[in-house]
Structure formats: C-alpha cells, structure tokens
Amino acid sequence: MSVLRRATRRFRYLLLAAGVVSSTATAIATVPGASATNRTYSCSSCTYTAGANDYVRNNEAINYSYNGVAATLWKSNGEFVQEAYSSGYKALVCHKSGEFYGHGDAATRDGGSAHLAGREDNYTNCG
C-alpha cells in the first residue's frame, strides 16, 4: 500500500470521527434541561386549584369568570413563598430569588366558584 493511500485512509477516519463527535455535541446541546418546568393546571368550577410539585419560580393564575384571582407560590413543605392578587382575571407571581421545589395555586378572590386555570414554570424571565 502506498504512502498516499495510507494517508488518504487516515484522513477519512479522522473526518468520520470528527463528524461523530460533532453530531453528538449537537444532539446534546438541543436537549432541554432536566429541571425545565412548564405545567398547566385547571378546574371548571371551583374556588381553588393547584399545580403539581416541581421546580418552580413563577405562577400565573387566571379566573375566566373575571371576578378576581389570587396566584400563590408554596414550597413542598407547605411554607408560603409569595402571592399576588388581581381584581381582574389574571394574577402573576414572579419569585426573583430563584427556583425551589414546590407548586403554584389559583384561588378566587370572592370565595365563589369559577373556572380557574394556572401555569407554573421555572423560567428566568417572568411572564
């Protein structure tokens, strides 16, 4: 086998290896983080509803009956974190101190039943 043929073969293996490494790095870079949270929760007629425990930072609560809503963040051990109220249909809590393990909830302001919904996430940007 000539020197030129051996060099060509080595170069092909080098290109193949570079392609495998490059495609693996690209695949890993596009996978979202394991702790990414973006969950919704709702009820058709209630005074209160809550999301599941997960890593959260923000909570948006909506009252489709337009009679006031409260959005609250709770740690999984039951510790109160933060709350926001609105006399309209939407309230948003943005916890600036970072994510924690817990959940968000939505509640009516007047105690009556309503169609409630919410979304909890752990995004850096709120809203």
Foldseek 3Di string as FASTA:
>chain_A
DDPVVVVVVVVVVVVVVVVVVVVVVVVVVPDDDPQWFKDKDWDAKDFKDKDDWGWFFKKKKFFPVQQKKKKFWAAQVGHGDDIFIDRTTMTMDGHQPFIHTTIMMMGGPVRGITTMMMITTRDNDTD
